[in-house]
């Protein structure tokens, strides 16, 4: 009989801790909206002096 009361106490403890699910989180609380910055055309423009830094070639990497 004592093991049943221990089981009841353990079950009551589990129900107290895990018995209910947490409250639902609304979709509005999960999503954050930010205003996008407009595209900068000078950022995407070709830059002659800086073009070598984006050039990928093994010979250039080895300094040949």
N, C-alpha and C. Protein backbone atom coordinates (compact mmCIF):
# COMPACT_ATOMS: atom_id res chain seq x y z
N UNK A 1 0.82 -1.20 0.00
CA UNK A 1 0.00 0.00 0.00
C UNK A 1 0.86 1.26 0.00
N UNK A 2 2.03 1.14 0.63
CA UNK A 2 2.90 2.30 0.72
C UNK A 2 3.47 2.68 -0.65
N UNK A 3 3.72 1.69 -1.51
CA UNK A 3 4.23 2.00 -2.84
C UNK A 3 3.20 2.75 -3.67
N UNK A 4 1.92 2.47 -3.43
CA UNK A 4 0.88 3.18 -4.17
C UNK A 4 0.83 4.65 -3.74
N UNK A 5 1.00 4.94 -2.48
CA UNK A 5 0.98 6.33 -2.03
C UNK A 5 2.22 7.07 -2.54
N UNK A 6 3.37 6.38 -2.62
CA UNK A 6 4.57 6.99 -3.18
C UNK A 6 4.34 7.30 -4.66
N UNK A 7 3.70 6.36 -5.37
CA UNK A 7 3.38 6.59 -6.78
C UNK A 7 2.41 7.75 -6.93
N UNK A 8 1.43 7.85 -6.04
CA UNK A 8 0.47 8.96 -6.11
C UNK A 8 1.17 10.30 -5.86
N UNK A 9 2.10 10.31 -4.92
CA UNK A 9 2.83 11.55 -4.64
C UNK A 9 3.69 11.93 -5.84
N UNK A 10 4.36 10.94 -6.44
CA UNK A 10 5.19 11.21 -7.61
C UNK A 10 4.33 11.68 -8.78
N UNK A 11 3.17 11.05 -8.97
CA UNK A 11 2.27 11.46 -10.05
C UNK A 11 1.75 12.87 -9.83
N UNK A 12 1.44 13.20 -8.60
CA UNK A 12 0.96 14.56 -8.30
C UNK A 12 2.08 15.57 -8.56
N UNK A 13 3.30 15.22 -8.23
CA UNK A 13 4.42 16.12 -8.50
C UNK A 13 4.64 16.33 -9.99
N UNK A 14 4.52 15.25 -10.77
CA UNK A 14 4.66 15.38 -12.23
C UNK A 14 3.54 16.22 -12.82
N UNK A 15 2.31 16.01 -12.34
CA UNK A 15 1.19 16.82 -12.84
C UNK A 15 1.37 18.28 -12.49
N UNK A 16 1.89 18.55 -11.30
CA UNK A 16 2.09 19.94 -10.89
C UNK A 16 3.14 20.61 -11.77
N UNK A 17 4.16 19.83 -12.16
CA UNK A 17 5.24 20.42 -12.95
C UNK A 17 4.96 20.40 -14.44
N UNK A 18 4.43 19.30 -14.95
CA UNK A 18 4.26 19.13 -16.39
C UNK A 18 2.81 18.94 -16.81
N UNK A 19 1.88 19.10 -15.93
CA UNK A 19 0.50 18.75 -16.20
C UNK A 19 -0.19 19.61 -17.26
N UNK A 20 0.23 20.84 -17.42
CA UNK A 20 -0.44 21.70 -18.40
C UNK A 20 0.57 22.20 -19.41
N UNK A 21 0.09 22.42 -20.59
CA UNK A 21 0.92 22.98 -21.64
C UNK A 21 1.07 24.48 -21.42
N UNK A 22 2.16 25.06 -21.88
CA UNK A 22 2.29 26.52 -21.76
C UNK A 22 1.25 27.22 -22.61
N UNK A 23 1.01 28.46 -22.29
CA UNK A 23 0.04 29.25 -23.04
C UNK A 23 0.50 29.40 -24.49
N UNK A 24 -0.46 29.48 -25.40
CA UNK A 24 -0.13 29.66 -26.81
C UNK A 24 0.48 31.04 -27.04
N UNK A 25 1.45 31.08 -27.93
CA UNK A 25 2.08 32.35 -28.30
C UNK A 25 1.44 32.80 -29.60
N UNK A 26 0.96 34.02 -29.60
CA UNK A 26 0.30 34.54 -30.80
C UNK A 26 1.31 34.75 -31.92
N UNK A 27 0.85 34.65 -33.16
CA UNK A 27 1.71 34.84 -34.32
C UNK A 27 2.31 36.25 -34.33
N UNK A 28 1.55 37.21 -33.92
CA UNK A 28 2.01 38.59 -33.90
C UNK A 28 3.20 38.76 -32.95
N UNK A 29 3.26 37.95 -31.90
CA UNK A 29 4.36 38.03 -30.96
C UNK A 29 5.61 37.33 -31.47
N UNK A 30 5.47 36.46 -32.47
CA UNK A 30 6.61 35.73 -33.01
C UNK A 30 7.29 36.46 -34.16
N UNK A 31 6.59 37.37 -34.81
CA UNK A 31 7.08 38.00 -36.03
C UNK A 31 7.47 39.44 -35.74
N UNK A 32 8.63 39.83 -36.26
CA UNK A 32 9.07 41.21 -36.15
C UNK A 32 9.23 41.76 -37.56
N UNK A 33 8.61 42.86 -37.83
CA UNK A 33 8.68 43.47 -39.15
C UNK A 33 9.60 44.68 -39.10
N UNK A 34 10.47 44.76 -40.09
CA UNK A 34 11.37 45.90 -40.21
C UNK A 34 11.25 46.48 -41.61
N UNK A 35 11.43 47.77 -41.70
CA UNK A 35 11.40 48.43 -43.00
C UNK A 35 12.74 48.17 -43.69
N UNK A 36 12.67 47.73 -44.94
CA UNK A 36 13.89 47.45 -45.70
C UNK A 36 14.50 48.75 -46.20
N UNK A 37 15.82 48.79 -46.18
CA UNK A 37 16.52 49.97 -46.69
C UNK A 37 16.51 49.92 -48.22
N UNK A 38 16.37 51.05 -48.88
CA UNK A 38 16.40 51.05 -50.34
C UNK A 38 17.78 50.65 -50.86
N UNK A 39 17.82 50.06 -52.05
CA UNK A 39 19.08 49.62 -52.65
C UNK A 39 19.94 50.83 -53.00
N UNK A 40 21.23 50.69 -52.77
CA UNK A 40 22.18 51.74 -53.08
C UNK A 40 22.86 51.39 -54.40
N UNK A 41 22.60 52.11 -55.49
CA UNK A 41 23.19 51.77 -56.78
C UNK A 41 24.71 51.90 -56.80
N UNK A 42 25.30 52.77 -55.99
CA UNK A 42 26.75 52.89 -55.97
C UNK A 42 27.40 51.68 -55.32
N UNK A 43 26.68 51.00 -54.47
CA UNK A 43 27.22 49.80 -53.83
C UNK A 43 27.36 48.66 -54.83
N UNK A 44 26.43 48.55 -55.75
CA UNK A 44 26.44 47.48 -56.74
C UNK A 44 27.21 47.83 -58.00
N UNK A 45 27.70 49.06 -58.09
CA UNK A 45 28.42 49.48 -59.30
C UNK A 45 29.80 48.83 -59.36
N UNK A 46 30.32 48.68 -60.57
CA UNK A 46 31.64 48.09 -60.78
C UNK A 46 32.71 49.08 -60.37
N UNK A 47 33.65 48.64 -59.57
CA UNK A 47 34.74 49.48 -59.10
C UNK A 47 36.04 48.92 -59.66
N UNK A 48 36.67 49.66 -60.59
CA UNK A 48 37.83 49.16 -61.32
C UNK A 48 39.00 48.87 -60.38
N UNK A 49 39.30 49.76 -59.47
CA UNK A 49 40.46 49.58 -58.60
C UNK A 49 40.24 48.47 -57.57
N UNK A 50 39.01 48.21 -57.21
CA UNK A 50 38.74 47.17 -56.23
C UNK A 50 38.36 45.84 -56.85
N UNK A 51 38.33 45.77 -58.19
CA UNK A 51 37.89 44.55 -58.85
C UNK A 51 38.87 43.40 -58.66
N UNK A 52 40.15 43.71 -58.49
CA UNK A 52 41.14 42.64 -58.33
C UNK A 52 40.88 41.84 -57.06
N UNK A 53 40.28 42.44 -56.03
CA UNK A 53 40.08 41.73 -54.77
C UNK A 53 39.01 40.65 -54.88
N UNK A 54 38.13 40.75 -55.86
CA UNK A 54 37.10 39.74 -56.03
C UNK A 54 37.47 38.73 -57.11
N UNK A 55 38.61 38.92 -57.76
CA UNK A 55 39.05 38.01 -58.80
C UNK A 55 39.57 36.74 -58.14
N UNK A 56 39.05 35.59 -58.51
CA UNK A 56 39.46 34.34 -57.90
C UNK A 56 40.16 33.48 -58.94
N UNK A 57 41.47 33.31 -58.75
CA UNK A 57 42.26 32.50 -59.67
C UNK A 57 43.41 31.91 -58.87
N UNK A 58 43.71 30.65 -59.08
CA UNK A 58 44.78 29.99 -58.35
C UNK A 58 46.13 30.64 -58.63
N UNK A 59 46.38 31.01 -59.88
CA UNK A 59 47.66 31.65 -60.22
C UNK A 59 47.80 32.98 -59.46
N UNK A 60 46.76 33.73 -59.37
CA UNK A 60 46.80 35.01 -58.65
C UNK A 60 47.00 34.75 -57.16
N UNK A 61 46.30 33.73 -56.63
CA UNK A 61 46.43 33.42 -55.21
C UNK A 61 47.85 32.99 -54.86
N UNK A 62 48.52 32.29 -55.77
CA UNK A 62 49.89 31.85 -55.52
C UNK A 62 50.93 32.91 -55.85
N UNK A 63 50.49 33.99 -56.44
CA UNK A 63 51.40 35.08 -56.79
C UNK A 63 52.21 34.81 -58.03
N UNK A 64 51.68 34.01 -58.94
CA UNK A 64 52.40 33.68 -60.18
C UNK A 64 52.07 34.66 -61.28
